Amino acid sequence: MRKIAGRQTKIASLLVAVAFGGAGLWLPGGPLQAALLAVRGVLAPVAYAAPAGSNDPHGSAGSPPQESPQFLKILNTIPGGDVQPCSVLADPYPSFNGVAIDPKARLAILTDPNLRSAMIYDLDVAAAPQAKGITPRKAWVRGPATWLSFATGVALDPVRQRFYVTENDWGDDLANFPYTANGDYKAHVLAIPHGTYGIGISQRYGQIALAIEHSIQIAFFKIGAQNADPPLRSIRGPHTGLADPHGLFWDEKNGEIVVANYGNWSQGQWDRDYPGGGHYYPPSITVYKDDGKGDVAPLRVIEGSKTRLNWPTGVMVDTNHNELFVTNQAANQILVFARTASGNVAPLRVLGGPRTLISHPMGVAYDPVRDQIWVANYGHTAEVFARAAGGDAAPLRVIRNAPAGTPEAGFGGPSAIAYDSRRDQILATN
């Protein structure tokens, strides 16, 4: 557990006291900002005089308000230093999210937003008979030098023998590592827009495509871009059909980019002057030419009641058999469509049911050498199936990041808490 000393510990203690007092608390900023919000209504407000001719009611621009004497008096009475928590509610094991495979290198790499890591598996070791213990890893990349936080999407570059990991709800970076990375390995890092999820790589273009959930776009960067290198182009606008994009697959063979959309949309995410508000659209799969730029319309859209789409999160194209795989997160299913499917069409087959062990599937990848698919659940298991599996089929094997039967906390980036005194329950948002 990270140790917090001095003033920040005192502030954190104050936050916990206020939150568990029944008021509920939103934490939009850093510890000091949150603490100042917490004491509103408890302490008398402090008046600040604006300079003559200024429109700033809180003082001169660039001069933050000073802490009030009342606030400091309370703050200094709170014990600080290396304080042990009374209790901790957390999952000590990783949670799988994204998955990518390099069949020639015999590697599968899965991301973990819970412990902020990436796990590397040898395909041959993972092919051992199903066991109840933790599946042996080839490597586990984690630690402050990795820059990994809410690790979601993952893509492999077999030419350069490197893998890339996106950050979603926080992190705002794209970290990449050699296949041989392990432990607290120093990452090559690129600053990217907030809320990135899916990722695809094109060797022909020498580019990386990122699905940006919050600003509703596909942003393209040069392979090897680092630090604050700018994007080369983007696909964004009301005609694109993008709406809360998540999973992304770059189909180089067919010159297309496939994106999974949850359906939330607001132009105000990137255009602060937009007065039109937002919309909720049906979930969809949108397909674009991979040289697209700007406000371009998709080539095809899969959308409608027959599709069974319900929080489509991960996407993958099997170009050998011309099939499109979609993780249907809310329904605990894998949907399989014809690659060229369009409109309100039913899937060719559905993989799901209690025997599959599929639960909140986030990522899917195809191993063409073994003709198998890997499904990463948001939790403690990933399953491997025959590519053509459908219905309530049992997996060929199970990859575990925790012993079988280990409970899951189910956290997905908790950012606020409240206490329900009537039911004696803690409420946590994800």
Protein backbone atom coordinates (compact mmCIF):
# COMPACT_ATOMS: atom_id res chain seq x y z
CA MET A 1 0.00 0.00 0.00
CA ARG A 2 1.25 3.49 -0.83
CA LYS A 3 2.19 5.42 2.33
CA ILE A 4 0.98 9.00 2.62
CA ALA A 5 2.72 11.25 5.10
CA GLY A 6 2.14 14.66 6.60
CA ARG A 7 -0.47 17.07 5.32
CA GLN A 8 -1.89 14.79 2.61
CA THR A 9 -2.55 12.07 5.18
CA LYS A 10 -4.43 14.57 7.32
CA ILE A 11 -6.48 15.65 4.33
CA ALA A 12 -7.22 12.04 3.38
CA SER A 13 -8.39 11.38 6.94
CA LEU A 14 -10.72 14.35 6.73
CA LEU A 15 -12.14 13.07 3.45
CA VAL A 16 -12.86 9.65 4.91
CA ALA A 17 -14.51 11.21 7.95
CA VAL A 18 -16.76 13.39 5.82
CA ALA A 19 -17.64 10.65 3.34
CA PHE A 20 -18.54 8.14 6.00
CA GLY A 21 -20.55 10.74 7.88
CA GLY A 22 -23.33 10.12 5.40
CA ALA A 23 -22.96 13.16 3.15
CA GLY A 24 -21.51 11.38 0.14
CA LEU A 25 -18.52 12.88 -1.61
CA TRP A 26 -17.42 13.56 -5.17
CA LEU A 27 -13.66 13.73 -5.60
CA PRO A 28 -12.96 15.64 -8.83
CA GLY A 29 -9.41 16.77 -8.14
CA GLY A 30 -6.39 16.29 -5.95
CA PRO A 31 -6.39 15.77 -2.18
CA LEU A 32 -6.33 19.47 -1.27
CA GLN A 33 -9.11 20.37 -3.70
CA ALA A 34 -11.25 17.52 -2.42
CA ALA A 35 -10.63 18.53 1.18
CA LEU A 36 -11.62 22.12 0.50
CA LEU A 37 -14.84 20.84 -1.07
CA ALA A 38 -15.43 18.62 1.94
CA VAL A 39 -15.33 21.43 4.48
CA ARG A 40 -17.76 23.66 2.60
CA GLY A 41 -20.78 24.16 4.79
CA VAL A 42 -18.76 23.20 7.86
CA LEU A 43 -16.48 26.21 7.99
CA ALA A 44 -17.30 29.81 7.41
CA PRO A 45 -16.49 30.90 3.85
CA VAL A 46 -13.48 33.16 3.32
CA ALA A 47 -13.98 36.40 1.43
CA TYR A 48 -11.61 37.40 -1.37
CA ALA A 49 -11.50 40.89 -2.83
CA ALA A 50 -11.09 41.24 -6.58
CA PRO A 51 -8.77 43.95 -7.86
CA ALA A 52 -10.32 47.04 -9.36
CA GLY A 53 -11.64 46.43 -12.88
CA SER A 54 -11.37 42.66 -12.57
CA ASN A 55 -14.22 40.29 -13.44
CA ASP A 56 -12.73 37.61 -11.20
CA PRO A 57 -14.83 37.46 -7.99
CA HIS A 58 -12.20 35.29 -6.28
CA GLY A 59 -9.14 37.47 -6.75
CA SER A 60 -6.51 38.07 -9.38
CA ALA A 61 -6.06 35.52 -12.15
CA GLY A 62 -3.45 32.89 -11.35
CA SER A 63 -3.62 33.50 -7.57
CA PRO A 64 -5.37 30.58 -5.84
CA PRO A 65 -7.35 31.32 -2.67
CA GLN A 66 -5.45 30.82 0.58
CA GLU A 67 -6.48 28.25 3.16
CA SER A 68 -8.69 29.73 5.85
CA PRO A 69 -7.49 29.85 9.49
CA GLN A 70 -10.50 27.70 10.44
CA PHE A 71 -9.52 25.04 7.93
CA LEU A 72 -5.91 24.97 9.13
CA LYS A 73 -7.04 24.75 12.75
CA ILE A 74 -9.07 21.60 12.05
CA LEU A 75 -6.47 20.14 9.69
CA ASN A 76 -3.70 20.44 12.29
CA THR A 77 -5.69 18.44 14.85
CA ILE A 78 -5.95 15.38 12.57
CA PRO A 79 -3.29 12.70 13.19
CA GLY A 80 -0.93 12.31 10.25
CA GLY A 81 2.20 10.47 9.26
CA ASP A 82 2.42 6.77 8.45
CA VAL A 83 -1.15 5.85 9.41
CA GLN A 84 -2.34 2.26 8.94
CA PRO A 85 -5.93 2.00 7.60
CA CYS A 86 -8.54 0.37 9.81
CA SER A 87 -9.56 -1.92 6.96
CA VAL A 88 -9.02 -2.34 3.23
CA LEU A 89 -11.53 -3.48 0.61
CA ALA A 90 -9.55 -4.46 -2.48
CA ASP A 91 -8.88 -7.32 -4.85
CA PRO A 92 -5.27 -8.48 -4.31
CA TYR A 93 -5.25 -10.27 -7.66
CA PRO A 94 -5.20 -8.86 -11.20
CA SER A 95 -8.30 -8.39 -13.36
CA PHE A 96 -7.97 -9.33 -17.01
CA ASN A 97 -9.09 -6.84 -19.65
CA GLY A 98 -7.45 -6.71 -23.08
CA VAL A 99 -5.72 -9.59 -24.87
CA ALA A 100 -3.43 -9.83 -27.89
CA ILE A 101 -1.50 -12.73 -29.43
CA ASP A 102 1.68 -13.17 -31.45
CA PRO A 103 1.43 -16.80 -32.61
CA LYS A 104 4.91 -16.89 -34.13
CA ALA A 105 6.51 -15.68 -30.91
CA ARG A 106 4.12 -17.96 -28.98
CA LEU A 107 3.03 -15.09 -26.72
CA ALA A 108 -0.29 -13.94 -25.30
CA ILE A 109 -0.33 -10.62 -23.45
CA LEU A 110 -3.23 -9.61 -21.21
CA THR A 111 -3.75 -6.26 -19.51
CA ASP A 112 -4.79 -5.68 -15.91
CA PRO A 113 -6.42 -2.39 -14.79
CA ASN A 114 -6.77 -3.51 -11.16
CA LEU A 115 -3.09 -3.88 -10.25
CA ARG A 116 -1.97 -1.73 -13.19
CA SER A 117 0.00 -4.30 -15.06
CA ALA A 118 0.45 -6.48 -18.14
CA MET A 119 0.88 -10.25 -17.96
CA ILE A 120 2.80 -12.25 -20.56
CA TYR A 121 2.02 -15.92 -21.16
CA ASP A 122 3.77 -18.52 -23.26
CA LEU A 123 1.12 -20.07 -25.50
CA ASP A 124 2.61 -23.51 -25.07
CA VAL A 125 2.74 -23.27 -21.28
CA ALA A 126 -0.81 -21.93 -21.25
CA ALA A 127 -1.81 -24.95 -23.33
CA ALA A 128 -1.21 -27.23 -20.34
CA PRO A 129 -4.29 -29.05 -18.99
CA GLN A 130 -6.70 -26.92 -17.02
CA ALA A 131 -5.70 -26.49 -13.38
CA LYS A 132 -7.21 -24.81 -10.32
CA GLY A 133 -4.15 -22.76 -9.43
CA ILE A 134 -2.71 -19.59 -10.96
CA THR A 135 -1.54 -20.18 -14.54
CA PRO A 136 2.26 -19.71 -14.74
CA ARG A 137 3.29 -16.42 -16.36
CA LYS A 138 6.29 -15.86 -18.55
CA ALA A 139 6.56 -12.29 -17.22
CA TRP A 140 4.57 -9.72 -15.24
CA VAL A 141 5.18 -6.07 -16.11
CA ARG A 142 4.20 -3.71 -13.28
CA GLY A 143 5.59 -0.87 -11.19
CA PRO A 144 6.01 2.93 -11.34
CA ALA A 145 8.57 2.87 -14.17
CA THR A 146 6.05 1.12 -16.46
CA TRP A 147 3.60 4.06 -16.41
CA LEU A 148 0.76 1.52 -16.38
CA SER A 149 -2.40 2.50 -14.54
CA PHE A 150 -5.92 1.71 -15.85
CA ALA A 151 -4.49 -0.68 -18.46
CA THR A 152 -7.11 -1.66 -21.03
CA GLY A 153 -6.29 -2.15 -24.72
CA VAL A 154 -3.21 -4.00 -25.95
CA ALA A 155 -1.66 -4.52 -29.37
CA LEU A 156 1.48 -6.33 -30.48
CA ASP A 157 4.06 -5.24 -33.04
CA PRO A 158 5.63 -8.52 -34.24
CA VAL A 159 8.08 -6.71 -36.54
CA ARG A 160 9.72 -4.74 -33.71
CA GLN A 161 8.89 -7.33 -31.03
CA ARG A 162 7.12 -4.76 -28.85
CA PHE A 163 3.69 -4.46 -27.24
CA TYR A 164 1.59 -1.34 -26.57
CA VAL A 165 -0.86 -0.77 -23.70
CA THR A 166 -3.53 1.97 -23.56
CA GLU A 167 -4.88 3.76 -20.47
CA ASN A 168 -8.58 4.46 -20.14
CA ASP A 169 -10.20 6.20 -17.17
CA TRP A 170 -6.88 7.60 -15.96
CA GLY A 171 -3.28 7.50 -17.09
CA ASP A 172 -3.52 9.33 -20.44
CA ASP A 173 -0.51 7.58 -21.90
CA LEU A 174 0.43 4.83 -24.32
CA ALA A 175 3.23 2.72 -22.85
CA ASN A 176 5.21 0.28 -24.97
CA PHE A 177 7.72 -2.43 -24.07
CA PRO A 178 9.84 -5.11 -25.68
CA TYR A 179 8.52 -8.66 -25.56
CA THR A 180 11.27 -9.42 -23.03
CA ALA A 181 10.07 -6.84 -20.48
CA ASN A 182 9.45 -7.99 -16.92
CA GLY A 183 8.89 -6.39 -13.54
CA ASP A 184 9.25 -2.63 -13.10
CA TYR A 185 10.48 -2.10 -16.65
CA LYS A 186 10.98 1.47 -17.88
CA ALA A 187 8.44 2.15 -20.63
CA HIS A 188 8.60 4.23 -23.78
CA VAL A 189 5.68 6.60 -23.26
CA LEU A 190 3.46 8.70 -25.52
CA ALA A 191 0.98 11.27 -24.19
CA ILE A 192 -2.48 10.53 -25.65
CA PRO A 193 -6.01 11.96 -25.23
CA HIS A 194 -7.95 11.11 -22.10
CA GLY A 195 -10.12 8.01 -22.18
CA THR A 196 -8.29 5.90 -24.77
CA TYR A 197 -9.43 2.28 -25.01
CA GLY A 198 -8.88 0.29 -28.23
CA ILE A 199 -5.67 0.10 -30.24
CA GLY A 200 -4.59 -1.25 -33.62
CA ILE A 201 -1.28 -1.24 -35.51
CA SER A 202 -0.57 -1.05 -39.25
CA GLN A 203 2.84 -2.00 -40.63
CA ARG A 204 1.89 -0.74 -44.09
CA TYR A 205 1.14 2.77 -42.83
CA GLY A 206 3.63 2.66 -39.96
CA GLN A 207 0.85 3.95 -37.71
CA ILE A 208 -1.04 3.23 -34.50
CA ALA A 209 -4.80 3.83 -34.32
CA LEU A 210 -6.41 4.62 -30.95
CA ALA A 211 -10.12 4.63 -30.12
CA ILE A 212 -10.71 7.60 -27.79
CA GLU A 213 -13.81 7.01 -25.70
CA HIS A 214 -14.27 10.46 -24.16
CA SER A 215 -13.49 12.72 -27.11
CA ILE A 216 -15.19 10.29 -29.54
CA GLN A 217 -12.53 9.87 -32.18
CA ILE A 218 -9.93 7.61 -33.73
CA ALA A 219 -6.49 9.20 -33.41
CA PHE A 220 -3.50 8.06 -35.48
CA PHE A 221 0.13 8.27 -34.36
CA LYS A 222 3.38 7.20 -35.93
CA ILE A 223 4.77 3.89 -34.68
CA GLY A 224 7.49 4.82 -32.23
CA ALA A 225 5.98 8.20 -31.31
CA GLN A 226 6.98 9.29 -27.82
CA ASN A 227 6.52 12.03 -25.25
CA ALA A 228 4.23 14.76 -26.66
CA ASP A 229 4.43 13.85 -30.36
CA PRO A 230 1.20 15.02 -32.05
CA PRO A 231 -1.22 12.73 -33.92
CA LEU A 232 -0.90 12.42 -37.69
CA ARG A 233 -4.65 12.50 -38.36
CA SER A 234 -7.99 11.65 -36.78
CA ILE A 235 -11.46 10.40 -37.65
CA ARG A 236 -14.02 12.47 -35.77
CA GLY A 237 -17.33 14.22 -36.36
CA PRO A 238 -21.10 13.74 -36.46
CA HIS A 239 -21.04 11.75 -39.71
CA THR A 240 -18.61 9.09 -38.46
CA GLY A 241 -21.16 7.19 -36.36
CA LEU A 242 -18.64 6.95 -33.53
CA ALA A 243 -20.33 6.99 -30.13
CA ASP A 244 -18.32 6.13 -27.01
CA PRO A 245 -15.86 3.96 -28.99
CA HIS A 246 -14.11 1.14 -27.17
CA GLY A 247 -12.54 -1.80 -28.97
CA LEU A 248 -10.65 -1.25 -32.24
CA PHE A 249 -9.14 -3.66 -34.77
CA TRP A 250 -6.98 -2.62 -37.73
CA ASP A 251 -7.71 -5.09 -40.55
CA GLU A 252 -4.69 -4.51 -42.78
CA LYS A 253 -5.58 -7.29 -45.20
CA ASN A 254 -8.84 -5.57 -46.17
CA GLY A 255 -7.76 -1.97 -45.54
CA GLU A 256 -10.36 -1.37 -42.83
CA ILE A 257 -10.65 -0.28 -39.20
CA VAL A 258 -13.39 -1.84 -37.07
CA VAL A 259 -14.70 -0.11 -33.92
CA ALA A 260 -17.13 -1.14 -31.18
CA ASN A 261 -19.40 1.68 -29.91
CA TYR A 262 -21.38 1.77 -26.66
CA GLY A 263 -23.66 4.50 -28.03
CA ASN A 264 -23.09 7.65 -25.90
CA TRP A 265 -22.40 10.76 -27.98
CA SER A 266 -21.93 14.48 -27.44
CA GLN A 267 -20.08 16.86 -29.72
CA GLY A 268 -19.49 18.96 -26.63
CA GLN A 269 -16.79 16.46 -25.69
CA TRP A 270 -14.46 18.15 -28.19
CA ASP A 271 -16.32 21.30 -29.25
CA ARG A 272 -16.89 23.53 -26.23
CA ASP A 273 -19.10 25.88 -28.24
CA TYR A 274 -21.51 23.12 -29.31
CA PRO A 275 -24.99 23.92 -27.92
CA GLY A 276 -26.83 20.75 -29.01
CA GLY A 277 -26.31 18.50 -26.00
CA GLY A 278 -25.76 14.77 -26.28
CA HIS A 279 -27.59 11.65 -27.43
CA TYR A 280 -27.86 7.96 -26.61
CA TYR A 281 -27.63 5.83 -29.73
CA PRO A 282 -27.98 2.05 -30.02
CA PRO A 283 -24.72 0.13 -29.60
CA SER A 284 -23.01 -0.52 -32.90
CA ILE A 285 -20.02 -1.78 -34.85
CA THR A 286 -18.69 0.76 -37.36
CA VAL A 287 -16.16 0.07 -40.13
CA TYR A 288 -13.98 2.69 -41.89
CA LYS A 289 -11.42 2.80 -44.69
CA ASP A 290 -8.08 2.74 -42.95
CA ASP A 291 -6.86 5.85 -44.77
CA GLY A 292 -9.87 7.87 -43.58
CA LYS A 293 -9.52 11.34 -42.12
CA GLY A 294 -11.90 13.88 -40.63
CA ASP A 295 -15.68 13.60 -40.54
CA VAL A 296 -15.97 10.54 -42.80
CA ALA A 297 -18.97 8.21 -42.91
CA PRO A 298 -18.41 4.54 -42.10
CA LEU A 299 -18.33 1.94 -44.86
CA ARG A 300 -20.66 -0.32 -42.89
CA VAL A 301 -22.61 -0.23 -39.63
CA ILE A 302 -23.92 -3.21 -37.65
CA GLU A 303 -26.76 -1.94 -35.46
CA GLY A 304 -30.27 -2.92 -34.41
CA SER A 305 -32.35 -5.35 -32.37
CA LYS A 306 -31.32 -8.46 -34.33
CA THR A 307 -27.62 -7.88 -33.64
CA ARG A 308 -27.98 -8.57 -29.88
CA LEU A 309 -25.27 -5.96 -29.21
CA ASN A 310 -25.14 -4.95 -25.54
CA TRP A 311 -22.01 -3.03 -24.52
CA PRO A 312 -19.81 -4.33 -27.34
CA THR A 313 -16.31 -3.86 -25.97
CA GLY A 314 -13.64 -5.85 -27.80
CA VAL A 315 -13.51 -6.59 -31.55
CA MET A 316 -11.35 -8.84 -33.68
CA VAL A 317 -11.39 -9.88 -37.36
CA ASP A 318 -10.40 -13.38 -38.44
CA THR A 319 -9.27 -12.65 -41.99
CA ASN A 320 -8.71 -16.37 -42.71
CA HIS A 321 -12.41 -17.14 -42.37
CA ASN A 322 -13.86 -13.64 -42.92
CA GLU A 323 -15.52 -13.46 -39.52
CA LEU A 324 -15.90 -10.62 -37.02
CA PHE A 325 -15.80 -11.42 -33.29
CA VAL A 326 -17.35 -9.06 -30.70
CA THR A 327 -17.25 -9.32 -26.90
CA ASN A 328 -20.81 -8.59 -25.77
CA GLN A 329 -19.90 -7.51 -22.26
CA ALA A 330 -23.28 -6.93 -20.62
CA ALA A 331 -24.72 -10.19 -22.01
CA ASN A 332 -21.66 -12.36 -21.21
CA GLN A 333 -21.35 -13.48 -24.82
CA ILE A 334 -19.11 -13.57 -27.86
CA LEU A 335 -21.00 -12.59 -31.02
CA VAL A 336 -19.70 -13.71 -34.41
CA PHE A 337 -20.74 -11.90 -37.61
CA ALA A 338 -19.73 -12.20 -41.23
CA ARG A 339 -16.85 -9.77 -41.78
CA THR A 340 -18.86 -7.80 -44.36
CA ALA A 341 -22.12 -7.83 -42.36
CA SER A 342 -24.06 -4.56 -42.34
CA GLY A 343 -27.33 -3.26 -40.96
CA ASN A 344 -29.68 -4.94 -38.51
CA VAL A 345 -28.33 -8.46 -38.93
CA ALA A 346 -28.26 -11.44 -36.61
CA PRO A 347 -24.90 -12.94 -35.66
CA LEU A 348 -23.77 -16.14 -37.37
CA ARG A 349 -23.35 -17.75 -33.95
CA VAL A 350 -23.27 -16.81 -30.27
CA LEU A 351 -20.87 -18.21 -27.68
CA GLY A 352 -22.19 -17.88 -24.14
CA GLY A 353 -23.69 -19.72 -21.20
CA PRO A 354 -22.67 -21.08 -17.78
CA ARG A 355 -20.41 -23.81 -19.19
CA THR A 356 -18.36 -21.27 -21.19
CA LEU A 357 -17.34 -19.42 -17.98
CA ILE A 358 -17.58 -16.18 -19.99
CA SER A 359 -18.39 -13.32 -17.60
CA HIS A 360 -18.04 -9.64 -18.54
CA PRO A 361 -15.80 -10.35 -21.55
CA MET A 362 -13.60 -7.39 -22.45
CA GLY A 363 -11.07 -8.63 -25.01
CA VAL A 364 -10.85 -11.28 -27.73
CA ALA A 365 -7.90 -12.44 -29.85
CA TYR A 366 -7.36 -15.10 -32.52
CA ASP A 367 -4.53 -17.62 -32.68
CA PRO A 368 -4.43 -18.68 -36.36
CA VAL A 369 -1.75 -21.32 -35.79
CA ARG A 370 -3.91 -23.27 -33.33
CA ASP A 371 -7.25 -22.01 -34.78
CA GLN A 372 -8.37 -20.85 -31.35
CA ILE A 373 -9.76 -17.70 -29.76
CA TRP A 374 -8.81 -16.22 -26.40
CA VAL A 375 -11.47 -14.40 -24.35
CA ALA A 376 -10.39 -12.11 -21.48
CA ASN A 377 -13.01 -11.57 -18.77
CA TYR A 378 -12.97 -8.59 -16.44
CA GLY A 379 -12.01 -10.73 -13.49
CA HIS A 380 -9.83 -13.70 -12.69
CA THR A 381 -10.14 -15.86 -15.80
CA ALA A 382 -9.55 -15.95 -19.52
CA GLU A 383 -10.85 -18.81 -21.65
CA VAL A 384 -9.55 -20.48 -24.79
CA PHE A 385 -12.05 -21.93 -27.29
CA ALA A 386 -11.99 -23.56 -30.68
CA ARG A 387 -12.55 -20.78 -33.21
CA ALA A 388 -15.82 -22.29 -34.46
CA ALA A 389 -17.25 -22.86 -30.96
CA GLY A 390 -20.80 -21.68 -30.34
CA GLY A 391 -23.60 -22.04 -27.85
CA ASP A 392 -22.84 -23.08 -24.27
CA ALA A 393 -19.54 -24.78 -25.14
CA ALA A 394 -16.96 -25.49 -22.47
CA PRO A 395 -13.54 -23.89 -22.99
CA LEU A 396 -10.56 -25.93 -24.08
CA ARG A 397 -8.66 -24.50 -21.13
CA VAL A 398 -8.79 -21.67 -18.59
CA ILE A 399 -6.10 -19.09 -17.82
CA ARG A 400 -6.27 -18.01 -14.18
CA ASN A 401 -4.70 -14.99 -12.49
CA ALA A 402 -6.04 -16.16 -9.10
CA PRO A 403 -6.83 -19.57 -7.60
CA ALA A 404 -10.15 -21.06 -8.71
CA GLY A 405 -13.06 -19.82 -6.62
CA THR A 406 -11.33 -16.65 -5.44
CA PRO A 407 -13.95 -13.90 -4.87
CA GLU A 408 -13.75 -10.81 -7.09
CA ALA A 409 -14.18 -7.30 -5.73
CA GLY A 410 -15.44 -6.22 -9.14
CA PHE A 411 -14.00 -2.72 -8.96
CA GLY A 412 -13.63 -0.92 -12.26
CA GLY A 413 -11.90 2.31 -11.32
CA PRO A 414 -13.80 3.39 -8.15
CA SER A 415 -13.66 7.16 -7.86
CA ALA A 416 -16.21 8.11 -5.19
CA ILE A 417 -17.79 6.60 -2.10
CA ALA A 418 -20.85 7.20 0.05
CA TYR A 419 -22.26 5.62 3.20
CA ASP A 420 -25.90 4.46 3.40
CA SER A 421 -26.63 4.68 7.13
CA ARG A 422 -30.09 3.11 6.80
CA ARG A 423 -28.76 -0.11 5.23
CA ASP A 424 -25.26 0.13 6.76
CA GLN A 425 -23.70 -0.19 3.31
CA ILE A 426 -20.86 1.48 1.41
CA LEU A 427 -21.64 2.59 -2.13
CA ALA A 428 -18.77 2.81 -4.64
CA THR A 429 -19.05 4.07 -8.20
CA ASN A 430 -17.23 2.36 -11.06
